N, C-alpha and C. Protein backbone atom coordinates (compact mmCIF):
# COMPACT_ATOMS: atom_id res chain seq x y z
N UNK A 1 0.90 -1.36 -0.04
CA UNK A 1 -0.03 0.43 0.04
C UNK A 1 0.98 1.22 0.21
N UNK A 2 0.16 2.38 0.47
CA UNK A 2 1.24 3.65 -0.01
C UNK A 2 1.53 3.92 0.95
N UNK A 3 3.09 4.78 0.87
CA UNK A 3 4.10 5.16 1.89
C UNK A 3 4.47 4.06 2.98
N UNK A 4 4.84 2.92 1.89
CA UNK A 4 5.69 1.93 2.20
C UNK A 4 5.20 1.26 3.52
N UNK A 5 3.64 1.26 3.64
CA UNK A 5 3.35 0.16 4.82
C UNK A 5 2.51 -0.98 4.16
N UNK A 6 3.02 -2.19 4.79
CA UNK A 6 2.80 -3.41 4.35
C UNK A 6 1.46 -3.51 5.11
N UNK A 7 0.63 -4.20 4.99
CA UNK A 7 -0.63 -4.13 5.36
C UNK A 7 -0.83 -5.79 4.99
N UNK A 8 -1.11 -6.56 6.35
CA UNK A 8 -1.23 -7.95 6.34
C UNK A 8 -2.72 -8.18 7.01
N UNK A 9 -3.41 -8.96 6.11
CA UNK A 9 -4.92 -9.80 6.49
C UNK A 9 -4.58 -10.66 6.55
N UNK A 10 -5.07 -11.65 8.06
CA UNK A 10 -4.93 -13.06 8.24
C UNK A 10 -6.15 -13.50 7.64
N UNK A 11 -5.86 -14.91 7.13
CA UNK A 11 -6.73 -15.53 6.27
C UNK A 11 -8.13 -15.86 7.00
N UNK A 12 -7.91 -16.06 8.17
CA UNK A 12 -9.28 -16.17 8.40
C UNK A 12 -10.12 -14.88 8.78
N UNK A 13 -9.60 -13.34 8.89
CA UNK A 13 -10.55 -12.88 8.69
C UNK A 13 -10.67 -12.35 7.51
N UNK A 14 -10.08 -12.41 6.37
CA UNK A 14 -10.64 -12.54 5.11
C UNK A 14 -11.50 -13.10 5.00
N UNK A 15 -11.46 -14.81 5.72
CA UNK A 15 -12.63 -15.26 5.31
C UNK A 15 -14.55 -14.45 6.06
N UNK A 16 -14.07 -13.99 7.63
CA UNK A 16 -15.04 -13.30 7.62
C UNK A 16 -15.65 -12.39 6.82
N UNK A 17 -14.70 -11.41 6.10
CA UNK A 17 -15.24 -10.41 5.64
C UNK A 17 -15.96 -10.86 4.21
N UNK A 18 -15.58 -12.02 3.99
CA UNK A 18 -15.55 -12.07 2.57
C UNK A 18 -17.30 -13.08 2.47
N UNK A 19 -17.97 -12.92 3.54
CA UNK A 19 -19.43 -13.62 3.77
C UNK A 19 -19.98 -13.43 2.61
N UNK A 20 -21.04 -13.98 1.67
CA UNK A 20 -21.77 -13.89 0.86
C UNK A 20 -20.93 -13.54 -0.31
N UNK A 21 -20.02 -14.34 -0.82
CA UNK A 21 -19.25 -14.08 -2.37
C UNK A 21 -18.20 -12.74 -2.94
N UNK A 22 -17.78 -12.92 -3.40
CA UNK A 22 -16.85 -11.89 -4.21
C UNK A 22 -17.49 -10.66 -3.93
N UNK A 23 -16.73 -9.65 -3.88
CA UNK A 23 -16.97 -8.35 -3.08
C UNK A 23 -15.71 -7.48 -3.86
N UNK A 24 -16.06 -6.76 -5.23
CA UNK A 24 -14.94 -5.97 -5.80
C UNK A 24 -14.39 -4.87 -5.16
N UNK A 25 -15.07 -3.92 -4.04
CA UNK A 25 -13.95 -3.24 -3.42
C UNK A 25 -13.10 -3.60 -2.34
N UNK A 26 -13.32 -5.09 -1.90
CA UNK A 26 -12.53 -6.01 -1.09
C UNK A 26 -11.33 -6.33 -1.82
N UNK A 27 -11.84 -6.80 -2.78
CA UNK A 27 -10.75 -7.58 -3.98
C UNK A 27 -9.83 -6.40 -4.18
N UNK A 28 -10.10 -4.97 -4.71
CA UNK A 28 -8.90 -4.25 -5.09
C UNK A 28 -8.34 -3.94 -3.86
N UNK A 29 -8.67 -3.88 -2.62
CA UNK A 29 -8.25 -3.46 -1.65
C UNK A 29 -6.99 -4.63 -1.60
N UNK A 30 -7.45 -5.73 -1.24
CA UNK A 30 -6.43 -6.85 -1.16
C UNK A 30 -5.25 -7.17 -2.03
N UNK A 31 -5.36 -6.45 -3.24
CA UNK A 31 -4.44 -6.35 -3.97
C UNK A 31 -2.59 -5.50 -3.63
N UNK A 32 -3.07 -4.80 -2.82
CA UNK A 32 -2.01 -4.16 -1.48
C UNK A 32 -1.66 -4.67 -0.49
N UNK A 33 -2.39 -6.05 -0.22
CA UNK A 33 -2.14 -6.47 0.86
C UNK A 33 -1.73 -8.15 0.80
N UNK A 34 -0.78 -8.46 2.15
CA UNK A 34 -0.60 -10.10 1.79
C UNK A 34 -1.45 -10.39 2.76
N UNK A 35 -1.57 -11.88 2.17
CA UNK A 35 -2.87 -12.38 2.72
C UNK A 35 -2.08 -13.89 3.76
N UNK A 36 -1.71 -13.66 5.01
CA UNK A 36 -1.34 -14.61 6.05
C UNK A 36 -2.21 -15.84 6.15
N UNK A 37 -1.73 -16.90 5.75
CA UNK A 37 -2.18 -18.10 6.09
C UNK A 37 -1.75 -18.46 7.79
N UNK A 38 -2.64 -19.30 8.26
CA UNK A 38 -2.45 -19.54 9.41
C UNK A 38 -1.06 -20.78 9.81
N UNK A 39 -0.06 -20.89 9.98
CA UNK A 39 0.72 -22.09 9.99
C UNK A 39 0.33 -22.83 11.91
N UNK A 40 0.87 -23.67 11.64
CA UNK A 40 0.57 -24.90 12.68
C UNK A 40 1.46 -24.04 14.18
N UNK A 41 2.80 -23.35 14.32
CA UNK A 41 3.44 -22.79 15.18
C UNK A 41 2.26 -21.55 15.20
N UNK A 42 1.63 -20.80 14.51
CA UNK A 42 0.85 -19.83 15.06
C UNK A 42 -0.40 -20.13 15.33
N UNK A 43 -1.12 -21.50 14.93
CA UNK A 43 -2.17 -21.56 15.60
C UNK A 43 -2.21 -21.90 16.85
N UNK A 44 -1.11 -22.72 17.83
CA UNK A 44 -0.39 -22.44 18.87
C UNK A 44 -0.74 -21.51 19.61
N UNK A 45 -0.15 -20.96 19.11
CA UNK A 45 0.13 -19.39 19.62
C UNK A 45 -1.18 -18.93 19.63
N UNK A 46 -2.02 -18.61 18.83
CA UNK A 46 -3.19 -18.57 18.96
C UNK A 46 -4.14 -19.03 19.94
N UNK A 47 -3.92 -20.34 20.15
CA UNK A 47 -4.60 -20.96 21.24
C UNK A 47 -3.86 -20.59 22.94
N UNK A 48 -2.86 -20.24 22.89
CA UNK A 48 -2.25 -19.71 24.08
C UNK A 48 -3.11 -18.42 24.62
N UNK A 49 -2.88 -17.47 23.75
CA UNK A 49 -3.83 -16.66 23.77
C UNK A 49 -5.58 -16.52 24.01
N UNK A 50 -6.17 -17.62 23.53
CA UNK A 50 -7.67 -17.65 24.04
C UNK A 50 -7.76 -18.18 25.55
N UNK A 51 -6.58 -18.97 25.40
CA UNK A 51 -6.41 -19.63 27.06
C UNK A 51 -6.41 -18.36 28.05
N UNK A 52 -5.07 -17.59 27.50
CA UNK A 52 -5.00 -16.55 28.79
C UNK A 52 -5.76 -15.31 28.79
N UNK A 53 -6.71 -15.11 27.89
CA UNK A 53 -7.38 -14.08 27.42
C UNK A 53 -9.08 -14.39 28.40
N UNK A 54 -9.39 -15.46 27.79
CA UNK A 54 -10.59 -15.66 28.05
C UNK A 54 -11.25 -15.07 26.95
N UNK A 55 -11.11 -14.81 25.80
CA UNK A 55 -11.46 -14.20 24.53
C UNK A 55 -11.46 -15.50 23.70
N UNK A 56 -12.67 -15.97 23.08
CA UNK A 56 -12.93 -17.16 22.74
C UNK A 56 -13.25 -17.63 20.93
N UNK A 57 -12.87 -15.88 20.37
CA UNK A 57 -12.91 -15.77 18.71
C UNK A 57 -11.44 -16.18 18.47
N UNK A 58 -11.25 -17.09 17.25
CA UNK A 58 -10.03 -17.74 16.97
C UNK A 58 -9.51 -16.57 15.96
N UNK A 59 -10.53 -16.00 15.44
CA UNK A 59 -9.98 -15.19 14.25
C UNK A 59 -9.38 -13.69 15.16
N UNK A 60 -9.85 -13.11 16.02
CA UNK A 60 -9.69 -12.29 16.56
C UNK A 60 -8.25 -12.61 17.65
N UNK A 61 -8.02 -13.72 17.60
CA UNK A 61 -6.88 -14.24 18.50
C UNK A 61 -5.66 -14.48 17.10
N UNK A 62 -6.02 -14.87 16.13
CA UNK A 62 -5.02 -14.85 14.84
C UNK A 62 -4.54 -13.49 14.63
N UNK A 63 -5.50 -12.40 14.74
CA UNK A 63 -5.25 -10.79 14.39
C UNK A 63 -4.19 -10.52 15.30
N UNK A 64 -4.44 -11.28 16.72
CA UNK A 64 -3.76 -10.34 17.75
C UNK A 64 -2.25 -10.74 17.43
N UNK A 65 -2.60 -12.49 17.62
CA UNK A 65 -0.95 -13.06 17.43
C UNK A 65 -0.21 -12.36 16.23
N UNK A 66 -0.84 -12.25 15.04
CA UNK A 66 0.28 -11.93 13.84
C UNK A 66 0.63 -10.53 14.36
N UNK A 67 -0.22 -9.61 14.89
CA UNK A 67 0.71 -8.24 15.04
C UNK A 67 1.89 -8.40 16.16
N UNK A 68 1.83 -8.78 17.33
CA UNK A 68 2.40 -9.34 18.38
C UNK A 68 3.51 -9.50 17.91
N UNK A 69 3.53 -10.68 16.80
CA UNK A 69 4.87 -11.32 16.41
C UNK A 69 5.03 -10.25 15.27
N UNK A 70 4.96 -9.66 14.49
CA UNK A 70 5.21 -8.73 13.65
C UNK A 70 5.62 -7.39 14.32
N UNK A 71 4.98 -7.19 15.46
CA UNK A 71 5.09 -5.49 16.18
C UNK A 71 4.03 -4.47 15.51
N UNK A 72 2.93 -4.70 14.68
CA UNK A 72 2.36 -4.21 13.98
C UNK A 72 0.95 -3.55 14.83
N UNK A 73 0.49 -2.55 13.94
CA UNK A 73 -0.86 -1.86 14.63
C UNK A 73 -1.52 -2.88 13.97
N UNK A 74 -2.70 -2.61 14.71
CA UNK A 74 -4.23 -3.60 14.11
C UNK A 74 -4.99 -2.43 14.16
N UNK A 75 -6.08 -2.97 12.72
CA UNK A 75 -6.83 -2.26 12.28
C UNK A 75 -8.10 -3.09 12.35
N UNK A 76 -9.35 -2.73 13.35
CA UNK A 76 -10.34 -3.47 13.65
C UNK A 76 -11.48 -3.05 14.24
N UNK A 77 -12.57 -3.82 13.97
CA UNK A 77 -14.04 -3.12 14.82
C UNK A 77 -14.62 -3.63 15.80
N UNK A 78 -13.62 -4.37 16.75
CA UNK A 78 -13.72 -5.33 17.65
C UNK A 78 -12.22 -5.05 18.34
N UNK A 79 -12.03 -3.43 19.06
CA UNK A 79 -11.31 -3.24 19.91
C UNK A 79 -10.91 -4.03 21.23
N UNK A 80 -12.18 -3.91 21.69
CA UNK A 80 -11.98 -4.68 23.44
C UNK A 80 -11.39 -5.95 22.92
N UNK A 81 -11.85 -6.90 22.57
CA UNK A 81 -11.55 -8.30 22.50
C UNK A 81 -9.80 -8.09 21.80
N UNK A 82 -9.13 -7.50 20.79
CA UNK A 82 -8.37 -7.55 20.45
C UNK A 82 -7.34 -6.92 21.70
N UNK A 83 -7.64 -5.72 22.33
CA UNK A 83 -6.75 -5.17 23.18
C UNK A 83 -6.59 -6.24 24.77
N UNK A 84 -8.03 -7.13 24.74
CA UNK A 84 -8.05 -8.15 25.67
C UNK A 84 -6.71 -9.17 25.43
N UNK A 85 -6.93 -9.69 24.39
CA UNK A 85 -5.82 -10.59 23.89
C UNK A 85 -4.53 -10.32 23.99
N UNK A 86 -4.02 -9.36 23.45
CA UNK A 86 -2.81 -8.71 23.72
C UNK A 86 -2.27 -8.38 25.09
N UNK A 87 -3.11 -8.06 25.67
CA UNK A 87 -2.61 -7.11 27.11
C UNK A 87 -2.48 -8.66 27.61
N UNK A 88 -2.85 -9.86 27.59
CA UNK A 88 -2.81 -10.86 27.93
C UNK A 88 -1.52 -11.64 28.02
N UNK A 89 -0.65 -11.42 27.13
CA UNK A 89 0.98 -11.45 26.76
C UNK A 89 1.93 -10.16 26.87
N UNK A 90 1.53 -9.01 26.58
CA UNK A 90 2.35 -8.21 26.21
C UNK A 90 1.63 -6.67 26.41
N UNK A 91 2.24 -5.69 26.19
CA UNK A 91 1.52 -4.48 26.10
C UNK A 91 0.82 -4.32 24.70
N UNK A 92 -0.11 -3.84 24.31
CA UNK A 92 -0.78 -3.94 23.42
C UNK A 92 -0.17 -3.10 22.23
N UNK A 93 -0.37 -3.47 21.21
CA UNK A 93 0.04 -2.41 20.19
C UNK A 93 -0.87 -1.83 19.93
N UNK A 94 -0.52 -0.86 18.90
CA UNK A 94 -1.56 0.13 18.84
C UNK A 94 -2.67 -0.32 17.90
N UNK A 95 -4.07 -0.06 18.23
CA UNK A 95 -5.24 -0.31 17.58
C UNK A 95 -5.98 0.76 17.11
N UNK A 96 -6.83 0.63 16.10
CA UNK A 96 -7.29 1.76 15.44
C UNK A 96 -8.24 1.06 15.02
N UNK A 97 -9.50 1.77 14.98
CA UNK A 97 -11.12 1.12 15.35
C UNK A 97 -11.75 1.76 13.78
N UNK A 98 -12.29 0.86 13.15
CA UNK A 98 -12.98 1.14 11.98
C UNK A 98 -14.50 0.83 12.00
């Protein structure tokens, strides 16, 4: 994307956003993004976050895991769960609500 910012979209978050089938606007946005698959080691870390935070949403936990691993900011519509997940293991990274 512009200004040298690399946007990473966890594959699970894409799945949630893609509900109902192809979306032209989302498809255009994704051209400038990296869609990140969930590896087994990452999935294990997601489970750790879920266990420590009490937040049950696996996709939110994958978003938090990736942000913590990459030291990235998060753009989300679910700030409270992302904050709880991140705070369970480290100081939260910047979170921006949409």
